[in-house]
Amino acid sequence: MGLTAKEEKTYDPISEGVHQGVCYAIYDLGTQYNKMFDKSAHQCLIIWEIPSERIEINKDGQTLSLPRVVSKTYTVSLGERANLRKHLESWRGRSFTAEELQGFDVSKLIGVNGMIQIIHKTTDNKTFANISAILPLYKGMAKLEPENPTVVYRFEDGEPPEGTPKWIVEKIHESEEWKAKHGGDDVPPAAAYDGAVPVDEDVPF
């Protein structure tokens, strides 16, 4: 096996400001334990493309231009203080009704556009792009379709789909549900990631 060191390719975070985004992937992360708060909670990961900001990757001898992506992990809750509820209500432009609060299918977000507000946060000398708010698409703006294949992953699907980034696969494998079914850390290796990052209606969902 060769021992060749290479410079690790890094990218600057998505620029601060408000960007048009489109949701293309949702992953059920299962029940995750939080060491800081010493409690567990059911979480999901929502991922948006930001088509105005792009990266170039080489694949099969071709240079591809792909949209940058941004994601946020949420506790799966529509409680009054839940970040998921706050972001969904600001995204859709109105509050949930009492009936809607009885249950909302998060998979309905796939393909929905919105304005994503990004702020930078620096931790351990690294700067990250964080989602601070999500707003409805500005009036008159054309809706965009996802460029990447859309993904909705549920635990009953088994292994996450091929091409899922390794860190997401590892997070799913850390869940209480996965360990209960597959046993501790005895889990299959993560699927290889090939570099593909991967109207008149007032309420978009």
N, C-alpha and C. Protein backbone atom coordinates (compact mmCIF):
# COMPACT_ATOMS: atom_id res chain seq x y z
N MET A 1 0.85 -1.20 0.00
CA MET A 1 0.00 0.00 0.00
C MET A 1 0.88 1.24 0.00
N GLY A 2 0.61 2.18 -0.87
CA GLY A 2 1.41 3.38 -0.96
C GLY A 2 1.21 4.27 0.26
N LEU A 3 2.22 5.09 0.55
CA LEU A 3 2.13 6.01 1.68
C LEU A 3 2.41 7.40 1.16
N THR A 4 1.43 7.95 0.47
CA THR A 4 1.58 9.26 -0.17
C THR A 4 0.72 10.28 0.53
N ALA A 5 1.37 11.30 1.06
CA ALA A 5 0.65 12.35 1.75
C ALA A 5 0.16 13.39 0.76
N LYS A 6 -1.07 13.84 0.94
CA LYS A 6 -1.63 14.87 0.07
C LYS A 6 -2.23 15.96 0.93
N GLU A 7 -2.33 17.15 0.35
CA GLU A 7 -2.98 18.25 1.05
C GLU A 7 -4.48 17.99 1.09
N GLU A 8 -5.05 18.09 2.28
CA GLU A 8 -6.50 17.87 2.42
C GLU A 8 -7.24 19.06 1.83
N LYS A 9 -8.19 18.77 0.94
CA LYS A 9 -8.93 19.84 0.28
C LYS A 9 -9.99 20.38 1.22
N THR A 10 -9.97 21.67 1.44
CA THR A 10 -10.95 22.31 2.31
C THR A 10 -11.63 23.43 1.54
N TYR A 11 -12.80 23.82 2.01
CA TYR A 11 -13.56 24.88 1.36
C TYR A 11 -13.93 25.93 2.40
N ASP A 12 -13.95 27.18 1.96
CA ASP A 12 -14.44 28.24 2.83
C ASP A 12 -15.92 27.99 3.11
N PRO A 13 -16.41 28.40 4.27
CA PRO A 13 -17.84 28.21 4.55
C PRO A 13 -18.69 29.04 3.59
N ILE A 14 -19.91 28.61 3.40
CA ILE A 14 -20.86 29.40 2.61
C ILE A 14 -20.93 30.80 3.18
N SER A 15 -20.95 31.80 2.32
CA SER A 15 -20.88 33.19 2.76
C SER A 15 -22.08 33.57 3.62
N GLU A 16 -21.84 34.49 4.54
CA GLU A 16 -22.93 34.97 5.39
C GLU A 16 -23.93 35.76 4.55
N GLY A 17 -25.18 35.74 5.00
CA GLY A 17 -26.23 36.45 4.28
C GLY A 17 -27.42 35.55 4.04
N VAL A 18 -28.32 35.99 3.18
CA VAL A 18 -29.54 35.25 2.88
C VAL A 18 -29.43 34.66 1.47
N HIS A 19 -29.61 33.36 1.36
CA HIS A 19 -29.46 32.64 0.09
C HIS A 19 -30.73 31.86 -0.23
N GLN A 20 -31.06 31.77 -1.51
CA GLN A 20 -32.14 30.89 -1.92
C GLN A 20 -31.66 29.45 -1.80
N GLY A 21 -32.46 28.62 -1.14
CA GLY A 21 -32.10 27.22 -0.97
C GLY A 21 -33.27 26.32 -1.32
N VAL A 22 -32.96 25.05 -1.56
CA VAL A 22 -34.00 24.07 -1.84
C VAL A 22 -33.66 22.80 -1.08
N CYS A 23 -34.63 22.29 -0.36
CA CYS A 23 -34.42 21.09 0.46
C CYS A 23 -34.36 19.86 -0.44
N TYR A 24 -33.30 19.05 -0.26
CA TYR A 24 -33.19 17.86 -1.11
C TYR A 24 -32.97 16.58 -0.32
N ALA A 25 -32.69 16.66 0.98
CA ALA A 25 -32.42 15.43 1.73
C ALA A 25 -32.87 15.56 3.18
N ILE A 26 -33.47 14.47 3.68
CA ILE A 26 -33.90 14.39 5.07
C ILE A 26 -33.52 13.02 5.59
N TYR A 27 -32.82 12.99 6.70
CA TYR A 27 -32.39 11.73 7.31
C TYR A 27 -32.94 11.61 8.72
N ASP A 28 -33.54 10.47 9.02
CA ASP A 28 -33.91 10.15 10.40
C ASP A 28 -32.64 9.69 11.10
N LEU A 29 -32.20 10.42 12.12
CA LEU A 29 -30.98 10.07 12.86
C LEU A 29 -31.26 9.20 14.07
N GLY A 30 -32.53 8.92 14.33
CA GLY A 30 -32.87 8.09 15.48
C GLY A 30 -32.68 8.84 16.79
N THR A 31 -32.66 8.09 17.88
CA THR A 31 -32.50 8.67 19.21
C THR A 31 -31.02 8.82 19.53
N GLN A 32 -30.60 10.06 19.73
CA GLN A 32 -29.19 10.37 19.97
C GLN A 32 -28.99 10.85 21.41
N TYR A 33 -27.88 10.41 22.01
CA TYR A 33 -27.56 10.81 23.39
C TYR A 33 -26.72 12.06 23.38
N ASN A 34 -27.09 13.04 24.19
CA ASN A 34 -26.35 14.30 24.31
C ASN A 34 -25.61 14.29 25.64
N LYS A 35 -24.27 14.19 25.57
CA LYS A 35 -23.47 14.14 26.79
C LYS A 35 -23.57 15.43 27.60
N MET A 36 -23.63 16.56 26.92
CA MET A 36 -23.66 17.84 27.62
C MET A 36 -24.89 17.98 28.50
N PHE A 37 -26.05 17.54 27.98
CA PHE A 37 -27.30 17.68 28.73
C PHE A 37 -27.73 16.36 29.40
N ASP A 38 -26.93 15.30 29.17
CA ASP A 38 -27.20 13.99 29.77
C ASP A 38 -28.63 13.53 29.51
N LYS A 39 -29.04 13.60 28.25
CA LYS A 39 -30.36 13.11 27.89
C LYS A 39 -30.37 12.71 26.43
N SER A 40 -31.38 11.93 26.05
CA SER A 40 -31.51 11.46 24.67
C SER A 40 -32.71 12.11 24.01
N ALA A 41 -32.65 12.26 22.68
CA ALA A 41 -33.76 12.85 21.94
C ALA A 41 -33.74 12.32 20.52
N HIS A 42 -34.94 12.20 19.94
CA HIS A 42 -35.09 11.77 18.55
C HIS A 42 -34.70 12.94 17.64
N GLN A 43 -33.80 12.71 16.70
CA GLN A 43 -33.30 13.78 15.85
C GLN A 43 -33.46 13.46 14.37
N CYS A 44 -33.48 14.52 13.58
CA CYS A 44 -33.45 14.37 12.13
C CYS A 44 -32.48 15.39 11.56
N LEU A 45 -32.00 15.13 10.36
CA LEU A 45 -31.09 16.03 9.66
C LEU A 45 -31.76 16.50 8.38
N ILE A 46 -31.80 17.81 8.17
CA ILE A 46 -32.39 18.39 6.96
C ILE A 46 -31.27 19.09 6.19
N ILE A 47 -31.20 18.84 4.88
CA ILE A 47 -30.11 19.38 4.05
C ILE A 47 -30.69 20.18 2.89
N TRP A 48 -30.11 21.35 2.66
CA TRP A 48 -30.52 22.22 1.57
C TRP A 48 -29.37 22.44 0.59
N GLU A 49 -29.69 22.55 -0.68
CA GLU A 49 -28.73 23.04 -1.67
C GLU A 49 -28.78 24.56 -1.69
N ILE A 50 -27.63 25.17 -1.89
CA ILE A 50 -27.53 26.62 -2.10
C ILE A 50 -26.94 26.81 -3.51
N PRO A 51 -27.78 26.83 -4.54
CA PRO A 51 -27.29 26.82 -5.92
C PRO A 51 -26.44 28.02 -6.32
N SER A 52 -26.58 29.15 -5.63
CA SER A 52 -25.81 30.34 -5.99
C SER A 52 -24.34 30.20 -5.60
N GLU A 53 -24.03 29.25 -4.72
CA GLU A 53 -22.64 29.00 -4.33
C GLU A 53 -22.30 27.57 -4.74
N ARG A 54 -21.16 27.40 -5.44
CA ARG A 54 -20.88 26.11 -6.05
C ARG A 54 -19.45 25.66 -5.77
N ILE A 55 -19.24 24.36 -5.92
CA ILE A 55 -17.91 23.78 -5.83
C ILE A 55 -17.68 22.95 -7.08
N GLU A 56 -16.42 22.78 -7.41
CA GLU A 56 -16.07 21.94 -8.56
C GLU A 56 -15.37 20.69 -8.06
N ILE A 57 -15.81 19.52 -8.56
CA ILE A 57 -15.18 18.26 -8.20
C ILE A 57 -14.84 17.51 -9.48
N ASN A 58 -13.85 16.66 -9.38
CA ASN A 58 -13.46 15.82 -10.51
C ASN A 58 -14.01 14.42 -10.29
N LYS A 59 -14.74 13.92 -11.28
CA LYS A 59 -15.32 12.58 -11.18
C LYS A 59 -15.26 11.92 -12.56
N ASP A 60 -14.66 10.76 -12.57
CA ASP A 60 -14.55 10.00 -13.83
C ASP A 60 -13.95 10.83 -14.95
N GLY A 61 -12.94 11.65 -14.59
CA GLY A 61 -12.26 12.44 -15.60
C GLY A 61 -12.98 13.70 -16.02
N GLN A 62 -14.11 13.99 -15.39
CA GLN A 62 -14.88 15.18 -15.73
C GLN A 62 -14.92 16.13 -14.54
N THR A 63 -14.95 17.42 -14.82
CA THR A 63 -15.10 18.43 -13.78
C THR A 63 -16.57 18.81 -13.67
N LEU A 64 -17.13 18.60 -12.50
CA LEU A 64 -18.54 18.89 -12.27
C LEU A 64 -18.69 20.09 -11.36
N SER A 65 -19.65 20.95 -11.68
CA SER A 65 -20.00 22.08 -10.83
C SER A 65 -21.27 21.72 -10.05
N LEU A 66 -21.14 21.68 -8.74
CA LEU A 66 -22.26 21.26 -7.89
C LEU A 66 -22.61 22.34 -6.89
N PRO A 67 -23.88 22.41 -6.51
CA PRO A 67 -24.27 23.42 -5.52
C PRO A 67 -23.69 23.09 -4.15
N ARG A 68 -23.29 24.11 -3.40
CA ARG A 68 -22.90 23.91 -2.02
C ARG A 68 -24.14 23.50 -1.23
N VAL A 69 -23.93 22.85 -0.11
CA VAL A 69 -25.06 22.42 0.71
C VAL A 69 -24.86 22.87 2.15
N VAL A 70 -25.96 23.01 2.86
CA VAL A 70 -25.93 23.36 4.27
C VAL A 70 -26.97 22.50 4.97
N SER A 71 -26.68 22.10 6.20
CA SER A 71 -27.60 21.20 6.90
C SER A 71 -27.80 21.66 8.34
N LYS A 72 -28.85 21.14 8.94
CA LYS A 72 -29.10 21.42 10.36
C LYS A 72 -29.76 20.21 10.99
N THR A 73 -29.31 19.88 12.19
CA THR A 73 -29.89 18.79 12.96
C THR A 73 -30.95 19.34 13.90
N TYR A 74 -32.12 18.69 13.90
CA TYR A 74 -33.24 19.13 14.75
C TYR A 74 -33.71 17.99 15.63
N THR A 75 -34.19 18.35 16.82
CA THR A 75 -34.98 17.41 17.61
C THR A 75 -36.34 17.29 16.94
N VAL A 76 -36.82 16.07 16.76
CA VAL A 76 -38.09 15.85 16.08
C VAL A 76 -39.23 16.16 17.05
N SER A 77 -39.57 17.44 17.10
CA SER A 77 -40.60 17.90 18.03
C SER A 77 -41.23 19.17 17.49
N LEU A 78 -42.53 19.32 17.73
CA LEU A 78 -43.22 20.57 17.41
C LEU A 78 -43.63 21.28 18.69
N GLY A 79 -42.88 21.02 19.77
CA GLY A 79 -43.12 21.73 21.03
C GLY A 79 -42.90 23.22 20.85
N GLU A 80 -43.46 24.00 21.74
CA GLU A 80 -43.44 25.45 21.60
C GLU A 80 -42.02 26.01 21.50
N ARG A 81 -41.08 25.39 22.20
CA ARG A 81 -39.70 25.89 22.20
C ARG A 81 -38.80 25.17 21.18
N ALA A 82 -39.34 24.20 20.48
CA ALA A 82 -38.52 23.40 19.57
C ALA A 82 -38.03 24.22 18.38
N ASN A 83 -36.74 24.09 18.06
CA ASN A 83 -36.18 24.82 16.91
C ASN A 83 -36.83 24.39 15.61
N LEU A 84 -37.21 23.09 15.51
CA LEU A 84 -37.85 22.63 14.29
C LEU A 84 -39.15 23.40 14.05
N ARG A 85 -39.95 23.54 15.07
CA ARG A 85 -41.21 24.28 14.92
C ARG A 85 -40.95 25.74 14.56
N LYS A 86 -39.99 26.37 15.24
CA LYS A 86 -39.69 27.78 14.96
C LYS A 86 -39.28 27.98 13.51
N HIS A 87 -38.39 27.09 13.02
CA HIS A 87 -37.90 27.25 11.65
C HIS A 87 -38.98 26.90 10.63
N LEU A 88 -39.79 25.89 10.91
CA LEU A 88 -40.86 25.55 9.98
C LEU A 88 -41.89 26.67 9.88
N GLU A 89 -42.23 27.27 11.01
CA GLU A 89 -43.23 28.33 11.00
C GLU A 89 -42.70 29.58 10.30
N SER A 90 -41.42 29.92 10.51
CA SER A 90 -40.87 31.09 9.81
C SER A 90 -40.72 30.79 8.32
N TRP A 91 -40.41 29.54 7.98
CA TRP A 91 -40.24 29.13 6.58
C TRP A 91 -41.56 29.21 5.84
N ARG A 92 -42.62 28.70 6.45
CA ARG A 92 -43.92 28.68 5.76
C ARG A 92 -44.64 30.02 5.87
N GLY A 93 -44.20 30.89 6.77
CA GLY A 93 -44.77 32.22 6.87
C GLY A 93 -46.01 32.32 7.72
N ARG A 94 -46.33 31.29 8.47
CA ARG A 94 -47.44 31.34 9.41
C ARG A 94 -47.31 30.21 10.42
N SER A 95 -48.04 30.35 11.52
CA SER A 95 -47.98 29.36 12.59
C SER A 95 -48.75 28.10 12.20
N PHE A 96 -48.41 27.00 12.85
CA PHE A 96 -49.18 25.77 12.69
C PHE A 96 -50.53 25.93 13.39
N THR A 97 -51.56 25.34 12.83
CA THR A 97 -52.84 25.27 13.51
C THR A 97 -52.77 24.16 14.55
N ALA A 98 -53.75 24.16 15.47
CA ALA A 98 -53.79 23.12 16.50
C ALA A 98 -53.89 21.74 15.85
N GLU A 99 -54.61 21.64 14.75
CA GLU A 99 -54.75 20.36 14.05
C GLU A 99 -53.42 19.94 13.44
N GLU A 100 -52.70 20.88 12.83
CA GLU A 100 -51.41 20.56 12.21
C GLU A 100 -50.38 20.13 13.23
N LEU A 101 -50.49 20.65 14.45
CA LEU A 101 -49.53 20.30 15.49
C LEU A 101 -49.69 18.87 15.98
N GLN A 102 -50.77 18.21 15.56
CA GLN A 102 -50.96 16.81 15.94
C GLN A 102 -49.99 15.89 15.20
N GLY A 103 -49.40 16.40 14.13
CA GLY A 103 -48.44 15.59 13.38
C GLY A 103 -48.13 16.22 12.04
N PHE A 104 -46.84 16.39 11.76
CA PHE A 104 -46.41 16.99 10.49
C PHE A 104 -45.41 16.05 9.83
N ASP A 105 -45.65 15.69 8.57
CA ASP A 105 -44.78 14.81 7.82
C ASP A 105 -43.60 15.62 7.28
N VAL A 106 -42.44 15.46 7.90
CA VAL A 106 -41.26 16.24 7.53
C VAL A 106 -40.83 15.98 6.09
N SER A 107 -41.16 14.80 5.55
CA SER A 107 -40.75 14.48 4.18
C SER A 107 -41.39 15.42 3.15
N LYS A 108 -42.45 16.14 3.55
CA LYS A 108 -43.10 17.10 2.65
C LYS A 108 -42.18 18.26 2.28
N LEU A 109 -41.07 18.40 3.02
CA LEU A 109 -40.16 19.51 2.77
C LEU A 109 -39.30 19.31 1.52
N ILE A 110 -39.19 18.07 1.05
CA ILE A 110 -38.34 17.80 -0.12
C ILE A 110 -38.81 18.64 -1.32
N GLY A 111 -37.88 19.38 -1.92
CA GLY A 111 -38.18 20.20 -3.09
C GLY A 111 -38.72 21.58 -2.76
N VAL A 112 -38.94 21.87 -1.47
CA VAL A 112 -39.48 23.18 -1.08
C VAL A 112 -38.35 24.21 -1.03
N ASN A 113 -38.59 25.36 -1.65
CA ASN A 113 -37.62 26.46 -1.65
C ASN A 113 -37.81 27.37 -0.43
N GLY A 114 -36.77 28.08 -0.08
CA GLY A 114 -36.85 29.06 0.99
C GLY A 114 -35.61 29.93 0.98
N MET A 115 -35.64 30.99 1.76
CA MET A 115 -34.50 31.88 1.90
C MET A 115 -33.78 31.49 3.20
N ILE A 116 -32.53 31.06 3.06
CA ILE A 116 -31.76 30.55 4.18
C ILE A 116 -30.80 31.63 4.66
N GLN A 117 -30.95 32.02 5.92
CA GLN A 117 -30.03 33.02 6.48
C GLN A 117 -28.85 32.31 7.13
N ILE A 118 -27.65 32.63 6.66
CA ILE A 118 -26.43 32.01 7.15
C ILE A 118 -25.63 33.00 7.98
N ILE A 119 -25.19 32.55 9.16
CA ILE A 119 -24.24 33.33 9.95
C ILE A 119 -23.04 32.43 10.24
N HIS A 120 -21.89 33.04 10.43
CA HIS A 120 -20.68 32.28 10.71
C HIS A 120 -20.43 32.19 12.22
N LYS A 121 -19.95 31.04 12.62
CA LYS A 121 -19.57 30.83 14.02
C LYS A 121 -18.21 30.17 14.03
N THR A 122 -17.29 30.70 14.82
CA THR A 122 -15.94 30.16 14.89
C THR A 122 -15.75 29.38 16.18
N THR A 123 -15.33 28.14 16.03
CA THR A 123 -15.05 27.25 17.15
C THR A 123 -13.73 26.55 16.91
N ASP A 124 -12.84 26.62 17.92
CA ASP A 124 -11.51 25.99 17.80
C ASP A 124 -10.81 26.41 16.51
N ASN A 125 -10.85 27.70 16.22
CA ASN A 125 -10.18 28.30 15.06
C ASN A 125 -10.76 27.83 13.72
N LYS A 126 -11.93 27.20 13.74
CA LYS A 126 -12.60 26.80 12.52
C LYS A 126 -13.91 27.57 12.39
N THR A 127 -14.19 28.05 11.19
CA THR A 127 -15.41 28.83 10.96
C THR A 127 -16.45 27.98 10.26
N PHE A 128 -17.64 27.97 10.82
CA PHE A 128 -18.73 27.16 10.28
C PHE A 128 -19.88 28.06 9.84
N ALA A 129 -20.61 27.60 8.81
CA ALA A 129 -21.80 28.30 8.33
C ALA A 129 -23.02 27.70 9.02
N ASN A 130 -23.69 28.48 9.85
CA ASN A 130 -24.85 28.00 10.59
C ASN A 130 -26.13 28.65 10.07
N ILE A 131 -27.21 27.87 10.07
CA ILE A 131 -28.53 28.39 9.67
C ILE A 131 -29.15 29.09 10.87
N SER A 132 -29.39 30.39 10.74
CA SER A 132 -30.00 31.13 11.85
C SER A 132 -31.50 31.32 11.65
N ALA A 133 -31.96 31.29 10.40
CA ALA A 133 -33.39 31.47 10.13
C ALA A 133 -33.70 30.97 8.72
N ILE A 134 -34.96 30.61 8.50
CA ILE A 134 -35.44 30.21 7.18
C ILE A 134 -36.72 30.99 6.91
N LEU A 135 -36.79 31.63 5.75
CA LEU A 135 -37.92 32.47 5.40
C LEU A 135 -38.57 31.97 4.11
N PRO A 136 -39.82 32.38 3.86
CA PRO A 136 -40.44 32.00 2.58
C PRO A 136 -39.67 32.61 1.41
N LEU A 137 -39.83 32.01 0.25
CA LEU A 137 -39.21 32.54 -0.96
C LEU A 137 -39.73 33.95 -1.21
N TYR A 138 -38.85 34.87 -1.57
CA TYR A 138 -39.28 36.23 -1.84
C TYR A 138 -40.23 36.26 -3.03
N LYS A 139 -41.18 37.18 -2.98
CA LYS A 139 -42.19 37.30 -4.02
C LYS A 139 -41.54 37.56 -5.37
N GLY A 140 -41.96 36.79 -6.37
CA GLY A 140 -41.46 36.96 -7.72
C GLY A 140 -40.25 36.10 -8.06
N MET A 141 -39.67 35.45 -7.06
CA MET A 141 -38.51 34.60 -7.33
C MET A 141 -38.95 33.26 -7.90
N ALA A 142 -38.21 32.77 -8.87
CA ALA A 142 -38.53 31.48 -9.48
C ALA A 142 -38.08 30.35 -8.56
N LYS A 143 -38.90 29.31 -8.48
CA LYS A 143 -38.54 28.16 -7.67
C LYS A 143 -37.49 27.32 -8.39
N LEU A 144 -36.63 26.71 -7.60
CA LEU A 144 -35.58 25.86 -8.14
C LEU A 144 -35.87 24.40 -7.82
N GLU A 145 -35.42 23.52 -8.69
CA GLU A 145 -35.52 22.09 -8.45
C GLU A 145 -34.17 21.58 -7.92
N PRO A 146 -34.18 20.59 -7.04
CA PRO A 146 -32.90 20.04 -6.56
C PRO A 146 -32.07 19.50 -7.71
N GLU A 147 -30.77 19.73 -7.66
CA GLU A 147 -29.86 19.19 -8.67
C GLU A 147 -29.38 17.80 -8.29
N ASN A 148 -29.30 17.54 -6.99
CA ASN A 148 -28.88 16.22 -6.51
C ASN A 148 -30.10 15.30 -6.41
N PRO A 149 -29.89 14.00 -6.45
CA PRO A 149 -31.00 13.07 -6.19
C PRO A 149 -31.58 13.34 -4.80
N THR A 150 -32.91 13.36 -4.71
CA THR A 150 -33.52 13.62 -3.41
C THR A 150 -33.48 12.37 -2.54
N VAL A 151 -33.41 12.59 -1.22
CA VAL A 151 -33.29 11.49 -0.27
C VAL A 151 -34.23 11.72 0.91
N VAL A 152 -35.01 10.70 1.24
CA VAL A 152 -35.75 10.65 2.51
C VAL A 152 -35.41 9.31 3.13
N TYR A 153 -34.61 9.34 4.20
CA TYR A 153 -34.18 8.10 4.84
C TYR A 153 -34.96 7.87 6.13
N ARG A 154 -35.53 6.67 6.26
CA ARG A 154 -36.20 6.24 7.48
C ARG A 154 -35.54 4.97 7.97
N PHE A 155 -35.62 4.71 9.27
CA PHE A 155 -34.91 3.56 9.83
C PHE A 155 -35.35 2.24 9.23
N GLU A 156 -36.62 2.14 8.85
CA GLU A 156 -37.09 0.89 8.27
C GLU A 156 -36.44 0.61 6.91
N ASP A 157 -35.73 1.62 6.35
CA ASP A 157 -35.04 1.42 5.08
C ASP A 157 -33.75 0.61 5.25
N GLY A 158 -33.30 0.41 6.48
CA GLY A 158 -32.05 -0.31 6.71
C GLY A 158 -30.87 0.62 6.58
N GLU A 159 -29.84 0.18 5.84
CA GLU A 159 -28.66 1.02 5.64
C GLU A 159 -29.05 2.29 4.88
N PRO A 160 -28.41 3.43 5.22
CA PRO A 160 -28.63 4.64 4.43
C PRO A 160 -28.26 4.40 2.97
N PRO A 161 -28.85 5.15 2.05
CA PRO A 161 -28.60 4.91 0.62
C PRO A 161 -27.14 5.13 0.24
N GLU A 162 -26.72 4.44 -0.81
CA GLU A 162 -25.35 4.59 -1.32
C GLU A 162 -25.09 6.05 -1.66
N GLY A 163 -23.91 6.51 -1.30
CA GLY A 163 -23.56 7.91 -1.55
C GLY A 163 -23.81 8.81 -0.36
N THR A 164 -24.43 8.28 0.70
CA THR A 164 -24.63 9.08 1.91
C THR A 164 -23.27 9.41 2.52
N PRO A 165 -23.02 10.68 2.86
CA PRO A 165 -21.73 11.03 3.48
C PRO A 165 -21.44 10.18 4.72
N LYS A 166 -20.18 9.84 4.89
CA LYS A 166 -19.77 8.93 5.96
C LYS A 166 -20.19 9.42 7.33
N TRP A 167 -20.10 10.74 7.57
CA TRP A 167 -20.42 11.25 8.91
C TRP A 167 -21.90 11.08 9.24
N ILE A 168 -22.77 11.10 8.22
CA ILE A 168 -24.19 10.87 8.47
C ILE A 168 -24.43 9.40 8.78
N VAL A 169 -23.78 8.50 8.03
CA VAL A 169 -23.91 7.06 8.29
C VAL A 169 -23.46 6.75 9.71
N GLU A 170 -22.33 7.32 10.12
CA GLU A 170 -21.82 7.07 11.46
C GLU A 170 -22.77 7.59 12.53
N LYS A 171 -23.39 8.73 12.27
CA LYS A 171 -24.36 9.29 13.22
C LYS A 171 -25.56 8.36 13.37
N ILE A 172 -26.05 7.83 12.27
CA ILE A 172 -27.17 6.89 12.31
C ILE A 172 -26.78 5.64 13.08
N HIS A 173 -25.55 5.16 12.87
CA HIS A 173 -25.08 3.97 13.57
C HIS A 173 -24.91 4.19 15.07
N GLU A 174 -24.81 5.46 15.48
CA GLU A 174 -24.68 5.77 16.91
C GLU A 174 -26.03 5.81 17.62
N SER A 175 -27.12 5.76 16.87
CA SER A 175 -28.44 5.90 17.47
C SER A 175 -28.81 4.69 18.32
N GLU A 176 -29.69 4.92 19.28
CA GLU A 176 -30.15 3.83 20.14
C GLU A 176 -30.88 2.77 19.34
N GLU A 177 -31.64 3.19 18.33
CA GLU A 177 -32.40 2.24 17.53
C GLU A 177 -31.47 1.32 16.74
N TRP A 178 -30.41 1.91 16.16
CA TRP A 178 -29.49 1.10 15.37
C TRP A 178 -28.76 0.09 16.25
N LYS A 179 -28.26 0.56 17.39
CA LYS A 179 -27.52 -0.33 18.28
C LYS A 179 -28.41 -1.44 18.82
N ALA A 180 -29.68 -1.11 19.10
CA ALA A 180 -30.60 -2.13 19.61
C ALA A 180 -30.84 -3.22 18.57
N LYS A 181 -30.84 -2.83 17.30
CA LYS A 181 -31.12 -3.79 16.23
C LYS A 181 -29.88 -4.54 15.78
N HIS A 182 -28.74 -3.83 15.77
CA HIS A 182 -27.53 -4.41 15.20
C HIS A 182 -26.47 -4.73 16.24
N GLY A 183 -26.65 -4.25 17.48
CA GLY A 183 -25.74 -4.60 18.55
C GLY A 183 -24.51 -3.74 18.66
N GLY A 184 -24.53 -2.80 19.59
CA GLY A 184 -23.35 -2.02 19.94
C GLY A 184 -22.66 -1.41 18.75
N ASP A 185 -21.33 -1.57 18.74
CA ASP A 185 -20.53 -0.97 17.67
C ASP A 185 -20.29 -1.93 16.51
N ASP A 186 -20.92 -3.10 16.56
CA ASP A 186 -20.73 -4.10 15.51
C ASP A 186 -21.64 -3.76 14.33
N VAL A 187 -21.19 -2.82 13.52
CA VAL A 187 -22.00 -2.33 12.41
C VAL A 187 -21.19 -2.42 11.13
N PRO A 188 -21.85 -2.51 9.98
CA PRO A 188 -21.13 -2.58 8.70
C PRO A 188 -20.45 -1.25 8.40
N PRO A 189 -19.39 -1.25 7.59
CA PRO A 189 -18.69 -0.01 7.27
C PRO A 189 -19.58 0.94 6.48
N ALA A 190 -19.29 2.24 6.59
CA ALA A 190 -20.07 3.24 5.88
C ALA A 190 -19.86 3.12 4.38
N ALA A 191 -20.92 3.37 3.63
CA ALA A 191 -20.80 3.35 2.17
C ALA A 191 -19.85 4.44 1.72
N ALA A 192 -19.05 4.16 0.70
CA ALA A 192 -18.09 5.14 0.20
C ALA A 192 -18.82 6.34 -0.39
N TYR A 193 -18.31 7.54 -0.09
CA TYR A 193 -18.92 8.76 -0.60
C TYR A 193 -18.15 9.21 -1.83
N ASP A 194 -18.84 9.37 -2.97
CA ASP A 194 -18.15 9.63 -4.22
C ASP A 194 -17.97 11.12 -4.51
N GLY A 195 -18.36 11.99 -3.57
CA GLY A 195 -18.16 13.42 -3.75
C GLY A 195 -19.38 14.14 -4.30
N ALA A 196 -20.39 13.42 -4.75
CA ALA A 196 -21.61 14.07 -5.26
C ALA A 196 -22.41 14.62 -4.08
N VAL A 197 -22.46 15.90 -3.99
CA VAL A 197 -23.15 16.50 -2.87
C VAL A 197 -24.67 16.38 -3.15
N PRO A 198 -23.56 14.89 -2.83
CA PRO A 198 -24.56 14.37 -3.56
C PRO A 198 -25.17 15.67 -4.03
N VAL A 199 -45.38 29.88 -7.01
CA VAL A 199 -46.74 29.73 -7.49
C VAL A 199 -47.71 30.64 -6.77
N ASP A 200 -48.72 30.20 -6.71
CA ASP A 200 -49.70 31.06 -6.08
C ASP A 200 -49.93 30.66 -4.62
N GLU A 201 -49.37 29.61 -4.21
CA GLU A 201 -49.58 29.10 -2.85
C GLU A 201 -48.75 29.91 -1.88
N ASP A 202 -49.40 30.52 -0.89
CA ASP A 202 -48.68 31.32 0.09
C ASP A 202 -47.92 30.46 1.09
N VAL A 203 -48.45 29.29 1.42
CA VAL A 203 -47.82 28.39 2.36
C VAL A 203 -47.19 27.25 1.58
N PRO A 204 -45.86 27.13 1.59
CA PRO A 204 -45.21 26.15 0.72
C PRO A 204 -45.38 24.70 1.16
N PHE A 205 -45.77 24.47 2.41
CA PHE A 205 -45.97 23.10 2.88
C PHE A 205 -46.88 23.08 4.07
